[in-house]
């Protein structure tokens, strides 16, 4: 099971459960549709979850992507693995991913102050 909570700063926004074979997904919205809810609307599909994870990764066409992946000990730009390492933190927003059995806070994962 790939289970994570989408966070906005220290607020839980959505809980996501993906089956081990990555064929089934359940998304539980913890806040109403808003700017902090990445799963707004009714499409709560695996494709939508994958798209969310992919949006938290480096672009596939980056010239320096092989070097970035090497430094992360990854052989591909796999969103499932990349987000385990980075917690989905980006420069653009304050949304991130906390995985099952973690006690991290926004202050632990943010890139900038």
Protein backbone atom coordinates (compact mmCIF):
# COMPACT_ATOMS: atom_id res chain seq x y z
CA UNK A 1 0.00 0.00 0.00
CA UNK A 2 1.28 3.45 -0.98
CA UNK A 3 -0.38 5.69 1.62
CA UNK A 4 0.24 9.39 2.11
CA UNK A 5 -1.37 12.55 3.40
CA UNK A 6 -1.30 15.71 1.30
CA UNK A 7 -0.47 18.66 3.51
CA UNK A 8 -0.77 22.43 3.18
CA UNK A 9 1.81 23.69 5.61
CA UNK A 10 0.77 21.77 8.78
CA UNK A 11 -2.85 21.20 7.75
CA UNK A 12 -3.98 17.82 6.44
CA UNK A 13 -5.72 18.34 3.08
CA UNK A 14 -6.28 14.84 1.65
CA UNK A 15 -5.47 11.25 2.45
CA UNK A 16 -4.49 8.98 -0.44
CA UNK A 17 -4.36 5.18 -0.54
CA UNK A 18 -2.93 3.40 -3.60
CA UNK A 19 -2.96 -0.39 -3.90
CA UNK A 20 0.35 -2.27 -4.07
CA UNK A 21 -0.20 -3.00 -7.76
CA UNK A 22 -0.99 0.71 -8.34
CA UNK A 23 -4.30 -0.09 -10.00
CA UNK A 24 -6.74 1.18 -7.37
CA UNK A 25 -6.84 4.46 -5.49
CA UNK A 26 -8.92 6.01 -2.75
CA UNK A 27 -8.73 9.75 -2.05
CA UNK A 28 -10.31 11.12 1.10
CA UNK A 29 -10.65 14.90 0.99
CA UNK A 30 -10.08 16.42 4.43
CA UNK A 31 -10.81 20.02 3.38
CA UNK A 32 -13.32 21.30 0.83
CA UNK A 33 -12.32 22.13 -2.72
CA UNK A 34 -10.10 25.23 -2.58
CA UNK A 35 -6.68 26.49 -3.64
CA UNK A 36 -5.04 24.11 -1.14
CA UNK A 37 -6.99 21.02 -2.29
CA UNK A 38 -5.08 19.38 -5.17
CA UNK A 39 -7.94 16.93 -5.73
CA UNK A 40 -10.75 19.40 -6.33
CA UNK A 41 -13.76 18.25 -8.30
CA UNK A 42 -14.96 14.71 -8.79
CA UNK A 43 -12.02 13.11 -10.63
CA UNK A 44 -10.31 11.12 -7.88
CA UNK A 45 -8.76 8.58 -10.23
CA UNK A 46 -5.36 6.93 -10.20
CA UNK A 47 -4.51 9.04 -13.27
CA UNK A 48 -5.26 12.18 -11.24
CA UNK A 49 -3.12 11.02 -8.30
CA UNK A 50 -0.25 10.13 -10.65
CA UNK A 51 -0.56 13.56 -12.30
CA UNK A 52 -0.35 15.22 -8.90
CA UNK A 53 2.78 13.24 -8.02
CA UNK A 54 4.30 13.94 -11.45
CA UNK A 55 3.69 17.67 -10.96
CA UNK A 56 5.93 17.52 -7.86
CA UNK A 57 8.90 16.18 -9.91
CA UNK A 58 11.49 17.78 -12.16
CA UNK A 59 10.50 18.07 -15.82
CA UNK A 60 11.51 15.11 -17.98
CA UNK A 61 13.18 17.36 -20.60
CA UNK A 62 15.65 19.09 -18.26
CA UNK A 63 19.22 18.96 -19.54
CA UNK A 64 20.52 18.34 -16.00
CA UNK A 65 17.94 15.68 -15.09
CA UNK A 66 20.41 12.76 -15.32
CA UNK A 67 22.67 14.50 -12.80
CA UNK A 68 19.76 15.30 -10.46
CA UNK A 69 18.59 11.68 -10.59
CA UNK A 70 22.12 10.39 -9.99
CA UNK A 71 22.44 12.57 -6.89
CA UNK A 72 19.11 11.17 -5.64
CA UNK A 73 20.24 7.59 -6.38
CA UNK A 74 17.40 7.14 -8.88
CA UNK A 75 17.64 5.63 -12.36
CA UNK A 76 14.45 7.25 -13.66
CA UNK A 77 12.20 10.22 -12.93
CA UNK A 78 9.67 7.95 -11.22
CA UNK A 79 7.07 10.11 -9.39
CA UNK A 80 6.36 7.36 -6.85
CA UNK A 81 10.01 7.19 -5.80
CA UNK A 82 10.87 10.87 -6.27
CA UNK A 83 8.13 12.01 -3.91
CA UNK A 84 9.28 9.53 -1.24
CA UNK A 85 12.62 11.38 -1.27
CA UNK A 86 11.42 14.99 -1.62
CA UNK A 87 8.02 14.78 0.08
CA UNK A 88 6.69 16.60 -2.98
CA UNK A 89 8.02 19.96 -1.79
CA UNK A 90 8.34 22.60 -4.52
CA UNK A 91 9.27 26.29 -4.64
CA UNK A 92 5.86 27.23 -6.03
CA UNK A 93 3.56 26.41 -3.10
CA UNK A 94 3.26 25.14 0.46
CA UNK A 95 1.75 21.77 -0.41
CA UNK A 96 3.74 18.66 0.45
CA UNK A 97 3.37 14.95 1.19
CA UNK A 98 3.68 13.21 4.54
CA UNK A 99 3.96 9.43 4.32
CA UNK A 100 2.52 6.86 6.68
CA UNK A 101 4.31 6.62 10.06
CA UNK A 102 6.09 9.97 9.62
CA UNK A 103 5.87 12.80 12.13
CA UNK A 104 7.35 15.51 9.91
CA UNK A 105 6.02 19.06 9.92
CA UNK A 106 6.17 21.88 7.37
CA UNK A 107 9.13 23.30 9.27
CA UNK A 108 11.01 20.01 8.66
CA UNK A 109 10.47 19.82 4.91
CA UNK A 110 10.21 23.35 3.53
CA UNK A 111 12.96 24.49 1.19
CA UNK A 112 12.90 28.16 2.05
CA UNK A 113 12.11 30.27 5.07
